[in-house]
Amino acid sequence: MVKARKIAVVGSRSVGKSSMTVKYVEDHFVESYYPTIENQFSKTINYKNQEYTVEILDTAGQDEFSIMNEKHLIGIHGHLLVYSVSSRQSFEIIEVIRDKILNSLGTDKTPMLLIGNKCDLTSQRQVSKAEGEALAKKFGYKFFETSVKSNINISKAFETLIDEIDQIHNPVAKQEDKCIIT
């Protein structure tokens, strides 16, 4: 049985959302930058002996004033919250984007991962790994630093989010202690 998973990649402008998505789906690095209106990608993967059809919504860059599009919410199983380690502003807007998603969904918990992209740009770094880890811990999310150009943690980020989604949609049943009377 094939499981369908829908993932939205969200974050500020120019953080590498499209590059991450293209690297994961088509396995190549897009050097040029064209602002994304919105794109949808599909990929079938075999992960942990389970076949998945993964649909990825590559969103336009968000800021504190943009309205959260319903497409970013309805039918989406999980979100990758992406900032660039070379942009303090993109890091600072993550909490606003996260809160917009949660408020729009009317929940305080949905599968999300925090991603610090462009970790290969060491000389341009404005956000430390420790700051990313601290924000992820505050939210209760897993955290990865990624680099599309160097192919660091791209597949791992998407597949970890699939794990997070599966934990909510297919929780492992706990074995109950049974008392046997003889």
Protein backbone atom coordinates (compact mmCIF):
# COMPACT_ATOMS: atom_id res chain seq x y z
CA MET A 1 0.00 0.00 0.00
CA VAL A 2 1.40 3.38 -1.03
CA LYS A 3 1.14 6.16 1.53
CA ALA A 4 0.62 9.72 0.29
CA ARG A 5 2.34 12.52 2.19
CA LYS A 6 1.97 16.24 1.47
CA ILE A 7 4.70 18.54 2.68
CA ALA A 8 4.89 22.34 2.48
CA VAL A 9 8.29 24.06 2.43
CA VAL A 10 7.89 27.49 4.01
CA GLY A 11 10.20 30.34 4.96
CA SER A 12 11.33 33.81 4.02
CA ARG A 13 12.44 34.82 0.51
CA SER A 14 15.80 33.55 -0.83
CA VAL A 15 16.41 30.90 1.84
CA GLY A 16 16.66 28.04 -0.69
CA LYS A 17 13.21 26.46 -0.47
CA SER A 18 13.04 25.78 -4.22
CA SER A 19 16.64 24.58 -4.38
CA MET A 20 16.02 22.15 -1.51
CA THR A 21 12.89 20.82 -3.18
CA VAL A 22 14.50 20.42 -6.61
CA LYS A 23 17.56 18.74 -5.07
CA TYR A 24 15.35 16.25 -3.23
CA VAL A 25 12.96 15.52 -6.11
CA GLU A 26 15.23 15.80 -9.17
CA ASP A 27 18.67 15.41 -7.56
CA HIS A 28 20.30 18.48 -9.03
CA PHE A 29 21.36 21.89 -7.74
CA VAL A 30 19.72 24.98 -9.19
CA GLU A 31 22.34 27.75 -9.26
CA SER A 32 20.16 30.62 -10.49
CA TYR A 33 17.48 32.33 -8.43
CA TYR A 34 14.03 33.14 -9.70
CA PRO A 35 11.44 34.16 -7.10
CA THR A 36 8.92 31.35 -6.70
CA ILE A 37 5.24 32.05 -7.13
CA GLU A 38 4.35 28.52 -6.10
CA ASN A 39 5.32 25.09 -7.39
CA GLN A 40 4.26 21.56 -6.67
CA PHE A 41 6.56 18.55 -6.98
CA SER A 42 5.99 14.81 -6.62
CA LYS A 43 8.35 11.99 -5.87
CA THR A 44 7.79 8.33 -5.10
CA ILE A 45 10.24 6.93 -2.58
CA ASN A 46 10.78 3.69 -0.73
CA TYR A 47 11.56 4.60 2.86
CA LYS A 48 11.78 2.10 5.71
CA ASN A 49 10.28 -0.63 3.51
CA GLN A 50 7.24 1.53 2.81
CA GLU A 51 6.38 3.18 -0.50
CA TYR A 52 5.41 6.84 -0.31
CA THR A 53 4.15 9.31 -2.84
CA VAL A 54 5.49 12.60 -1.55
CA GLU A 55 3.89 15.80 -2.81
CA ILE A 56 5.88 18.90 -1.97
CA LEU A 57 4.42 22.39 -2.10
CA ASP A 58 7.23 24.85 -2.74
CA THR A 59 5.78 28.12 -1.48
CA ALA A 60 6.53 31.74 -2.30
CA GLY A 61 8.61 33.48 0.37
CA GLN A 62 6.68 34.58 3.42
CA ASP A 63 7.13 37.61 5.62
CA GLU A 64 5.29 38.97 8.65
CA PHE A 65 2.74 40.72 6.39
CA SER A 66 1.97 37.95 3.90
CA ILE A 67 -1.25 36.07 4.33
CA MET A 68 -0.96 32.32 4.82
CA ASN A 69 -2.49 30.76 1.71
CA GLU A 70 -4.98 27.95 2.40
CA LYS A 71 -2.98 25.75 0.00
CA HIS A 72 -0.15 25.88 2.56
CA LEU A 73 -2.50 24.34 5.12
CA ILE A 74 -5.31 22.21 3.71
CA GLY A 75 -4.33 18.60 3.22
CA ILE A 76 -0.72 19.29 4.23
CA HIS A 77 0.67 16.64 6.56
CA GLY A 78 3.82 18.50 7.64
CA HIS A 79 5.95 21.61 7.15
CA LEU A 80 9.65 22.29 6.73
CA LEU A 81 10.36 25.69 8.30
CA VAL A 82 13.41 26.93 6.40
CA TYR A 83 15.72 29.86 7.12
CA SER A 84 19.15 30.70 5.74
CA VAL A 85 22.10 30.64 8.15
CA SER A 86 23.41 33.64 6.16
CA SER A 87 20.29 35.74 6.88
CA ARG A 88 19.41 36.85 10.42
CA GLN A 89 16.09 38.26 9.12
CA SER A 90 15.02 34.88 7.69
CA PHE A 91 15.72 33.28 11.09
CA GLU A 92 13.84 35.93 13.02
CA ILE A 93 10.69 35.54 10.88
CA ILE A 94 10.45 31.74 11.45
CA GLU A 95 8.45 32.05 14.67
CA VAL A 96 5.93 34.37 12.95
CA ILE A 97 5.50 31.91 10.06
CA ARG A 98 5.15 28.98 12.47
CA ASP A 99 2.54 30.84 14.56
CA LYS A 100 0.55 31.76 11.42
CA ILE A 101 0.42 28.08 10.40
CA LEU A 102 -0.63 26.89 13.86
CA ASN A 103 -3.23 29.66 14.27
CA SER A 104 -4.69 28.95 10.83
CA LEU A 105 -4.88 25.23 11.59
CA GLY A 106 -6.38 25.90 15.01
CA THR A 107 -3.86 23.64 16.74
CA ASP A 108 -0.71 23.95 18.78
CA LYS A 109 0.97 20.90 17.27
CA THR A 110 1.52 19.69 13.72
CA PRO A 111 4.56 17.91 12.24
CA MET A 112 7.28 20.49 11.57
CA LEU A 113 11.05 20.52 11.29
CA LEU A 114 13.34 23.52 11.58
CA ILE A 115 15.93 23.79 8.80
CA GLY A 116 18.95 26.10 8.75
CA ASN A 117 19.87 26.06 5.05
CA LYS A 118 23.07 27.20 3.29
CA CYS A 119 25.39 25.88 6.02
CA ASP A 120 28.16 25.77 3.38
CA LEU A 121 28.28 29.60 3.41
CA THR A 122 30.50 29.68 6.51
CA SER A 123 32.03 33.11 5.84
CA GLN A 124 28.54 34.65 5.43
CA ARG A 125 27.00 32.99 8.49
CA GLN A 126 24.76 35.27 10.60
CA VAL A 127 22.94 32.58 12.62
CA SER A 128 24.89 30.05 14.68
CA LYS A 129 24.00 26.37 14.78
CA ALA A 130 23.42 26.74 18.53
CA GLU A 131 20.76 29.42 17.88
CA GLY A 132 18.96 27.10 15.45
CA GLU A 133 19.14 24.22 17.92
CA ALA A 134 17.80 26.45 20.72
CA LEU A 135 14.83 27.61 18.63
CA ALA A 136 14.03 24.02 17.60
CA LYS A 137 14.20 22.94 21.25
CA LYS A 138 11.86 25.80 22.23
CA PHE A 139 9.34 24.58 19.61
CA GLY A 140 9.93 20.88 20.36
CA TYR A 141 11.06 20.21 16.77
CA LYS A 142 13.95 18.35 15.24
CA PHE A 143 16.61 20.55 13.64
CA PHE A 144 18.99 20.13 10.72
CA GLU A 145 21.46 22.40 9.05
CA THR A 146 21.43 21.71 5.32
CA SER A 147 23.32 22.65 2.20
CA VAL A 148 21.76 22.06 -1.18
CA LYS A 149 25.02 22.82 -2.98
CA SER A 150 27.00 20.30 -0.87
CA ASN A 151 24.02 17.90 -0.55
CA ILE A 152 24.09 17.94 3.25
CA ASN A 153 21.00 16.57 5.05
CA ILE A 154 18.54 17.28 2.20
CA SER A 155 17.04 13.77 1.98
CA LYS A 156 17.40 13.35 5.74
CA ALA A 157 15.29 16.48 6.37
CA PHE A 158 12.40 15.36 4.14
CA GLU A 159 12.52 11.77 5.40
CA THR A 160 12.65 12.83 9.06
CA LEU A 161 9.53 14.90 8.45
CA ILE A 162 7.87 11.81 6.94
CA ASP A 163 8.76 9.98 10.19
CA GLU A 164 7.21 12.80 12.24
CA ILE A 165 4.03 12.65 10.12
CA ASP A 166 3.84 8.86 10.47
CA GLN A 167 4.15 9.08 14.25
CA ILE A 168 1.00 11.20 14.32
CA HIS A 169 -0.98 9.44 11.57
CA ASN A 170 0.08 5.88 12.44
CA PRO A 171 1.03 5.83 16.12
CA VAL A 172 2.59 2.64 17.36
CA ALA A 173 0.08 0.89 19.61
CA LYS A 174 1.38 0.51 23.14
CA GLN A 175 1.30 -2.98 24.59
CA GLU A 176 -0.88 -3.06 27.65
CA ASP A 177 0.18 -5.07 30.66
CA LYS A 178 -2.12 -8.02 31.01
CA CYS A 179 -2.86 -9.73 34.22
CA ILE A 180 -3.27 -13.49 33.90
CA ILE A 181 -5.19 -15.36 36.60
CA THR A 182 -4.70 -19.11 36.74
